[in-house]
Amino acid sequence: MLRGPHLLSPADRELIATYVSAANDCVYCQMVHGAIAAYHLGGDEQIVAQVKDNFRTAPISGKLKALLTIAEQVQRRGKKVRVVDINRARKQGATDLEIHDTVLIAAMFSMCTGKWVGSRARRNGKNGRDAE
């Protein structure tokens, strides 16, 4: 999902992965994918930080904001994705394939980072942040 030919730019794919990893409180994944996103953004780590903090006010395209809204809903619970948000992404220029791929990236990182953080918490008897 993050490599090879794609309609979404490498920076956009990595920003989606970074945002979901940050929402799941996975420090490792958000740092690694954030660094890759910054690389694809010409070294601009500020944009990555702003996306993690509040993508709605970050200096990114309306299309990426709409896709990150969908990624946020997938990260919280897949059933929270709303038709109105899919239509908003389409109005911002996202294709159905880009929306689909956003869902897959968000789902993959929600599953992987959520399970990893959760396994550390159970293994150490603490919450994920304390276990690092």
N, C-alpha and C. Protein backbone atom coordinates (compact mmCIF):
# COMPACT_ATOMS: atom_id res chain seq x y z
N MET A 1 0.81 -1.20 0.00
CA MET A 1 0.00 0.00 0.00
C MET A 1 0.86 1.27 0.00
N LEU A 2 2.04 1.20 0.55
CA LEU A 2 2.85 2.41 0.66
C LEU A 2 3.91 2.53 -0.43
N ARG A 3 4.14 1.49 -1.20
CA ARG A 3 5.19 1.52 -2.21
C ARG A 3 4.60 1.22 -3.59
N GLY A 4 5.36 1.54 -4.61
CA GLY A 4 4.97 1.22 -5.97
C GLY A 4 4.04 2.24 -6.58
N PRO A 5 3.65 2.00 -7.83
CA PRO A 5 2.76 2.93 -8.54
C PRO A 5 1.42 3.06 -7.81
N HIS A 6 0.93 4.28 -7.79
CA HIS A 6 -0.26 4.55 -6.98
C HIS A 6 -0.86 5.87 -7.40
N LEU A 7 -2.16 6.03 -7.24
CA LEU A 7 -2.76 7.33 -7.51
C LEU A 7 -2.42 8.34 -6.41
N LEU A 8 -2.38 7.87 -5.16
CA LEU A 8 -1.99 8.75 -4.05
C LEU A 8 -0.47 8.94 -4.08
N SER A 9 -0.02 10.15 -3.83
CA SER A 9 1.42 10.39 -3.81
C SER A 9 2.07 9.66 -2.64
N PRO A 10 3.37 9.38 -2.73
CA PRO A 10 4.06 8.76 -1.59
C PRO A 10 3.91 9.60 -0.31
N ALA A 11 3.97 10.92 -0.44
CA ALA A 11 3.82 11.79 0.74
C ALA A 11 2.44 11.62 1.36
N ASP A 12 1.40 11.59 0.53
CA ASP A 12 0.04 11.44 1.05
C ASP A 12 -0.14 10.08 1.74
N ARG A 13 0.37 9.02 1.13
CA ARG A 13 0.26 7.69 1.75
C ARG A 13 0.97 7.65 3.09
N GLU A 14 2.16 8.23 3.14
CA GLU A 14 2.93 8.22 4.39
C GLU A 14 2.27 9.12 5.44
N LEU A 15 1.67 10.24 5.02
CA LEU A 15 0.96 11.09 5.98
C LEU A 15 -0.25 10.37 6.57
N ILE A 16 -0.96 9.60 5.77
CA ILE A 16 -2.09 8.81 6.28
C ILE A 16 -1.58 7.80 7.30
N ALA A 17 -0.51 7.10 6.96
CA ALA A 17 0.07 6.12 7.89
C ALA A 17 0.55 6.79 9.17
N THR A 18 1.17 7.95 9.04
CA THR A 18 1.67 8.69 10.20
C THR A 18 0.52 9.14 11.09
N TYR A 19 -0.53 9.69 10.49
CA TYR A 19 -1.66 10.17 11.26
C TYR A 19 -2.31 9.03 12.05
N VAL A 20 -2.57 7.91 11.40
CA VAL A 20 -3.21 6.78 12.08
C VAL A 20 -2.30 6.23 13.17
N SER A 21 -1.00 6.14 12.90
CA SER A 21 -0.05 5.66 13.91
C SER A 21 -0.03 6.58 15.12
N ALA A 22 -0.08 7.89 14.89
CA ALA A 22 -0.11 8.85 16.00
C ALA A 22 -1.39 8.70 16.79
N ALA A 23 -2.52 8.53 16.09
CA ALA A 23 -3.80 8.35 16.79
C ALA A 23 -3.80 7.08 17.63
N ASN A 24 -3.04 6.07 17.19
CA ASN A 24 -2.93 4.82 17.94
C ASN A 24 -1.81 4.88 18.98
N ASP A 25 -1.15 6.03 19.08
CA ASP A 25 -0.08 6.24 20.06
C ASP A 25 1.09 5.28 19.87
N CYS A 26 1.39 4.98 18.61
CA CYS A 26 2.54 4.14 18.30
C CYS A 26 3.69 5.07 17.91
N VAL A 27 4.56 5.31 18.85
CA VAL A 27 5.65 6.26 18.65
C VAL A 27 6.57 5.81 17.52
N TYR A 28 6.93 4.54 17.52
CA TYR A 28 7.84 4.04 16.48
C TYR A 28 7.28 4.28 15.08
N CYS A 29 6.05 3.85 14.83
CA CYS A 29 5.47 3.97 13.48
C CYS A 29 5.27 5.42 13.07
N GLN A 30 4.82 6.24 14.00
CA GLN A 30 4.60 7.65 13.61
C GLN A 30 5.92 8.35 13.33
N MET A 31 6.98 7.96 14.02
CA MET A 31 8.29 8.58 13.76
C MET A 31 8.87 8.10 12.43
N VAL A 32 8.82 6.80 12.18
CA VAL A 32 9.38 6.26 10.94
C VAL A 32 8.60 6.77 9.73
N HIS A 33 7.28 6.64 9.76
CA HIS A 33 6.49 7.05 8.60
C HIS A 33 6.43 8.57 8.49
N GLY A 34 6.53 9.26 9.62
CA GLY A 34 6.60 10.72 9.58
C GLY A 34 7.88 11.19 8.91
N ALA A 35 8.98 10.51 9.19
CA ALA A 35 10.26 10.87 8.55
C ALA A 35 10.21 10.61 7.05
N ILE A 36 9.58 9.51 6.66
CA ILE A 36 9.46 9.21 5.23
C ILE A 36 8.55 10.24 4.56
N ALA A 37 7.45 10.60 5.23
CA ALA A 37 6.56 11.63 4.68
C ALA A 37 7.31 12.94 4.51
N ALA A 38 8.07 13.34 5.53
CA ALA A 38 8.84 14.58 5.46
C ALA A 38 9.83 14.54 4.29
N TYR A 39 10.46 13.40 4.10
CA TYR A 39 11.39 13.24 2.97
C TYR A 39 10.66 13.53 1.65
N HIS A 40 9.47 12.95 1.50
CA HIS A 40 8.70 13.15 0.27
C HIS A 40 8.14 14.57 0.16
N LEU A 41 8.12 15.28 1.26
CA LEU A 41 7.67 16.68 1.27
C LEU A 41 8.85 17.64 1.21
N GLY A 42 9.98 17.16 0.77
CA GLY A 42 11.17 18.02 0.64
C GLY A 42 11.81 18.33 1.98
N GLY A 43 11.62 17.47 2.96
CA GLY A 43 12.22 17.67 4.28
C GLY A 43 11.38 18.49 5.23
N ASP A 44 10.14 18.78 4.88
CA ASP A 44 9.27 19.63 5.70
C ASP A 44 8.62 18.85 6.85
N GLU A 45 9.30 18.81 7.98
CA GLU A 45 8.79 18.10 9.15
C GLU A 45 7.64 18.85 9.82
N GLN A 46 7.53 20.16 9.56
CA GLN A 46 6.45 20.97 10.14
C GLN A 46 5.09 20.49 9.67
N ILE A 47 4.98 20.19 8.38
CA ILE A 47 3.70 19.72 7.86
C ILE A 47 3.31 18.40 8.54
N VAL A 48 4.26 17.52 8.71
CA VAL A 48 4.00 16.24 9.38
C VAL A 48 3.50 16.49 10.80
N ALA A 49 4.17 17.37 11.52
CA ALA A 49 3.76 17.69 12.89
C ALA A 49 2.36 18.30 12.92
N GLN A 50 2.07 19.17 11.96
CA GLN A 50 0.75 19.80 11.92
C GLN A 50 -0.33 18.79 11.58
N VAL A 51 -0.05 17.85 10.70
CA VAL A 51 -1.03 16.81 10.37
C VAL A 51 -1.32 15.96 11.60
N LYS A 52 -0.29 15.59 12.33
CA LYS A 52 -0.50 14.78 13.55
C LYS A 52 -1.27 15.57 14.60
N ASP A 53 -0.99 16.86 14.70
CA ASP A 53 -1.64 17.69 15.71
C ASP A 53 -3.09 17.99 15.36
N ASN A 54 -3.34 18.45 14.13
CA ASN A 54 -4.70 18.77 13.69
C ASN A 54 -4.69 18.93 12.17
N PHE A 55 -4.96 17.84 11.48
CA PHE A 55 -4.87 17.88 10.02
C PHE A 55 -5.85 18.88 9.40
N ARG A 56 -6.92 19.19 10.11
CA ARG A 56 -7.92 20.12 9.57
C ARG A 56 -7.37 21.54 9.37
N THR A 57 -6.34 21.89 10.14
CA THR A 57 -5.74 23.22 10.01
C THR A 57 -4.35 23.18 9.37
N ALA A 58 -3.90 21.99 9.01
CA ALA A 58 -2.58 21.85 8.39
C ALA A 58 -2.60 22.39 6.96
N PRO A 59 -1.45 22.86 6.48
CA PRO A 59 -1.37 23.39 5.11
C PRO A 59 -1.27 22.27 4.07
N ILE A 60 -2.34 21.50 3.97
CA ILE A 60 -2.42 20.40 3.00
C ILE A 60 -3.68 20.62 2.15
N SER A 61 -3.79 19.87 1.09
CA SER A 61 -4.91 20.04 0.17
C SER A 61 -6.24 19.64 0.82
N GLY A 62 -7.31 20.20 0.29
CA GLY A 62 -8.64 19.83 0.74
C GLY A 62 -8.90 18.35 0.51
N LYS A 63 -8.37 17.83 -0.57
CA LYS A 63 -8.52 16.41 -0.88
C LYS A 63 -7.87 15.55 0.21
N LEU A 64 -6.65 15.89 0.62
CA LEU A 64 -5.97 15.11 1.65
C LEU A 64 -6.69 15.26 2.99
N LYS A 65 -7.20 16.45 3.29
CA LYS A 65 -7.98 16.62 4.53
C LYS A 65 -9.21 15.72 4.53
N ALA A 66 -9.88 15.63 3.38
CA ALA A 66 -11.07 14.77 3.28
C ALA A 66 -10.67 13.30 3.43
N LEU A 67 -9.55 12.91 2.85
CA LEU A 67 -9.09 11.52 2.98
C LEU A 67 -8.66 11.22 4.42
N LEU A 68 -8.03 12.18 5.08
CA LEU A 68 -7.64 11.97 6.47
C LEU A 68 -8.86 11.89 7.39
N THR A 69 -9.94 12.58 7.04
CA THR A 69 -11.18 12.44 7.80
C THR A 69 -11.67 11.01 7.72
N ILE A 70 -11.60 10.42 6.55
CA ILE A 70 -12.00 9.02 6.38
C ILE A 70 -11.05 8.11 7.15
N ALA A 71 -9.75 8.37 7.08
CA ALA A 71 -8.76 7.57 7.82
C ALA A 71 -9.01 7.66 9.32
N GLU A 72 -9.37 8.84 9.79
CA GLU A 72 -9.68 9.03 11.22
C GLU A 72 -10.86 8.16 11.63
N GLN A 73 -11.87 8.12 10.79
CA GLN A 73 -13.06 7.31 11.10
C GLN A 73 -12.73 5.82 11.09
N VAL A 74 -11.91 5.39 10.15
CA VAL A 74 -11.48 3.99 10.11
C VAL A 74 -10.69 3.66 11.37
N GLN A 75 -9.80 4.56 11.76
CA GLN A 75 -8.97 4.32 12.95
C GLN A 75 -9.83 4.19 14.20
N ARG A 76 -10.86 4.99 14.30
CA ARG A 76 -11.74 4.94 15.48
C ARG A 76 -12.63 3.71 15.46
N ARG A 77 -13.20 3.43 14.31
CA ARG A 77 -14.05 2.26 14.13
C ARG A 77 -14.55 2.30 12.69
N GLY A 78 -14.25 1.29 11.93
CA GLY A 78 -14.56 1.26 10.51
C GLY A 78 -16.00 1.62 10.16
N LYS A 79 -16.93 1.26 11.02
CA LYS A 79 -18.33 1.54 10.74
C LYS A 79 -18.67 3.02 10.87
N LYS A 80 -17.73 3.82 11.33
CA LYS A 80 -17.97 5.26 11.49
C LYS A 80 -17.76 6.03 10.18
N VAL A 81 -17.26 5.37 9.14
CA VAL A 81 -17.09 6.05 7.85
C VAL A 81 -18.48 6.39 7.32
N ARG A 82 -18.67 7.67 7.01
CA ARG A 82 -19.99 8.14 6.58
C ARG A 82 -20.00 8.45 5.09
N VAL A 83 -21.14 8.23 4.48
CA VAL A 83 -21.31 8.52 3.06
C VAL A 83 -21.04 9.98 2.78
N VAL A 84 -21.45 10.86 3.68
CA VAL A 84 -21.22 12.30 3.48
C VAL A 84 -19.72 12.61 3.37
N ASP A 85 -18.90 11.89 4.13
CA ASP A 85 -17.45 12.12 4.06
C ASP A 85 -16.84 11.53 2.79
N ILE A 86 -17.38 10.42 2.35
CA ILE A 86 -16.93 9.86 1.08
C ILE A 86 -17.27 10.83 -0.05
N ASN A 87 -18.49 11.36 -0.03
CA ASN A 87 -18.90 12.32 -1.06
C ASN A 87 -18.07 13.60 -0.99
N ARG A 88 -17.70 14.03 0.22
CA ARG A 88 -16.85 15.22 0.37
C ARG A 88 -15.48 14.96 -0.26
N ALA A 89 -14.94 13.78 -0.03
CA ALA A 89 -13.65 13.44 -0.63
C ALA A 89 -13.75 13.44 -2.16
N ARG A 90 -14.83 12.91 -2.67
CA ARG A 90 -15.04 12.92 -4.13
C ARG A 90 -15.12 14.36 -4.65
N LYS A 91 -15.83 15.21 -3.93
CA LYS A 91 -15.95 16.61 -4.36
C LYS A 91 -14.60 17.32 -4.33
N GLN A 92 -13.70 16.86 -3.47
CA GLN A 92 -12.36 17.45 -3.39
C GLN A 92 -11.42 16.85 -4.42
N GLY A 93 -11.93 15.92 -5.24
CA GLY A 93 -11.12 15.36 -6.32
C GLY A 93 -10.60 13.96 -6.09
N ALA A 94 -10.95 13.33 -4.98
CA ALA A 94 -10.48 11.97 -4.72
C ALA A 94 -11.26 10.98 -5.57
N THR A 95 -10.55 10.04 -6.13
CA THR A 95 -11.19 8.96 -6.88
C THR A 95 -11.64 7.87 -5.90
N ASP A 96 -12.50 7.00 -6.39
CA ASP A 96 -12.93 5.88 -5.55
C ASP A 96 -11.75 4.99 -5.17
N LEU A 97 -10.79 4.84 -6.07
CA LEU A 97 -9.61 4.05 -5.75
C LEU A 97 -8.78 4.71 -4.66
N GLU A 98 -8.64 6.02 -4.69
CA GLU A 98 -7.89 6.73 -3.64
C GLU A 98 -8.61 6.61 -2.29
N ILE A 99 -9.93 6.69 -2.32
CA ILE A 99 -10.70 6.51 -1.07
C ILE A 99 -10.52 5.09 -0.56
N HIS A 100 -10.62 4.13 -1.44
CA HIS A 100 -10.43 2.72 -1.08
C HIS A 100 -9.05 2.49 -0.48
N ASP A 101 -8.03 3.03 -1.13
CA ASP A 101 -6.67 2.84 -0.64
C ASP A 101 -6.44 3.55 0.69
N THR A 102 -7.08 4.69 0.88
CA THR A 102 -7.00 5.37 2.18
C THR A 102 -7.58 4.48 3.28
N VAL A 103 -8.72 3.87 3.00
CA VAL A 103 -9.34 2.95 3.97
C VAL A 103 -8.41 1.79 4.26
N LEU A 104 -7.79 1.22 3.22
CA LEU A 104 -6.89 0.09 3.44
C LEU A 104 -5.66 0.48 4.26
N ILE A 105 -5.06 1.63 3.95
CA ILE A 105 -3.89 2.09 4.71
C ILE A 105 -4.28 2.31 6.17
N ALA A 106 -5.40 3.00 6.38
CA ALA A 106 -5.84 3.29 7.75
C ALA A 106 -6.17 2.00 8.50
N ALA A 107 -6.82 1.06 7.83
CA ALA A 107 -7.17 -0.20 8.48
C ALA A 107 -5.92 -1.01 8.82
N MET A 108 -4.98 -1.05 7.89
CA MET A 108 -3.75 -1.80 8.14
C MET A 108 -2.99 -1.21 9.33
N PHE A 109 -2.85 0.11 9.36
CA PHE A 109 -2.11 0.72 10.47
C PHE A 109 -2.91 0.68 11.77
N SER A 110 -4.20 0.71 11.69
CA SER A 110 -5.02 0.58 12.90
C SER A 110 -4.84 -0.81 13.50
N MET A 111 -4.86 -1.80 12.63
CA MET A 111 -4.70 -3.17 13.11
C MET A 111 -3.29 -3.40 13.64
N CYS A 112 -2.30 -3.04 12.86
CA CYS A 112 -0.91 -3.34 13.24
C CYS A 112 -0.45 -2.52 14.44
N THR A 113 -0.62 -1.21 14.39
CA THR A 113 -0.12 -0.39 15.50
C THR A 113 -0.99 -0.56 16.73
N GLY A 114 -2.28 -0.71 16.55
CA GLY A 114 -3.16 -0.92 17.71
C GLY A 114 -2.84 -2.21 18.43
N LYS A 115 -2.62 -3.28 17.67
CA LYS A 115 -2.29 -4.57 18.28
C LYS A 115 -0.91 -4.53 18.93
N TRP A 116 0.05 -3.86 18.26
CA TRP A 116 1.40 -3.80 18.82
C TRP A 116 1.42 -3.02 20.12
N VAL A 117 0.80 -1.85 20.14
CA VAL A 117 0.75 -1.05 21.37
C VAL A 117 0.00 -1.82 22.45
N GLY A 118 -1.10 -2.46 22.08
CA GLY A 118 -1.88 -3.23 23.05
C GLY A 118 -1.10 -4.41 23.59
N SER A 119 -0.30 -5.07 22.76
CA SER A 119 0.47 -6.22 23.24
C SER A 119 1.55 -5.77 24.22
N ARG A 120 2.14 -4.60 23.98
CA ARG A 120 3.13 -4.08 24.92
C ARG A 120 2.48 -3.78 26.25
N ALA A 121 1.25 -3.25 26.19
CA ALA A 121 0.56 -2.90 27.43
C ALA A 121 0.26 -4.15 28.24
N ARG A 122 -0.22 -5.18 27.57
CA ARG A 122 -0.55 -6.42 28.29
C ARG A 122 0.72 -7.08 28.82
N ARG A 123 1.77 -7.10 28.01
CA ARG A 123 3.01 -7.76 28.40
C ARG A 123 3.62 -7.09 29.63
N ASN A 124 3.54 -5.76 29.68
CA ASN A 124 4.17 -5.02 30.77
C ASN A 124 3.21 -4.66 31.89
N GLY A 125 1.93 -4.95 31.70
CA GLY A 125 0.95 -4.62 32.73
C GLY A 125 0.72 -3.13 32.87
N LYS A 126 1.08 -2.36 31.85
CA LYS A 126 0.94 -0.91 31.89
C LYS A 126 0.28 -0.46 30.60
N ASN A 127 -0.04 0.82 30.52
CA ASN A 127 -0.55 1.30 29.23
C ASN A 127 0.63 1.40 28.26
N GLY A 128 0.31 1.48 26.96
CA GLY A 128 1.33 1.46 25.92
C GLY A 128 2.41 2.50 26.10
N ARG A 129 2.05 3.71 26.51
CA ARG A 129 3.03 4.77 26.63
C ARG A 129 4.03 4.46 27.77
N ASP A 130 3.54 3.92 28.88
CA ASP A 130 4.43 3.61 30.00
C ASP A 130 5.35 2.44 29.71
N ALA A 131 4.94 1.60 28.76
CA ALA A 131 5.69 0.39 28.50
C ALA A 131 6.96 0.64 27.67
N GLU A 132 7.12 1.83 27.11
CA GLU A 132 8.27 2.08 26.24
C GLU A 132 9.55 2.23 27.02
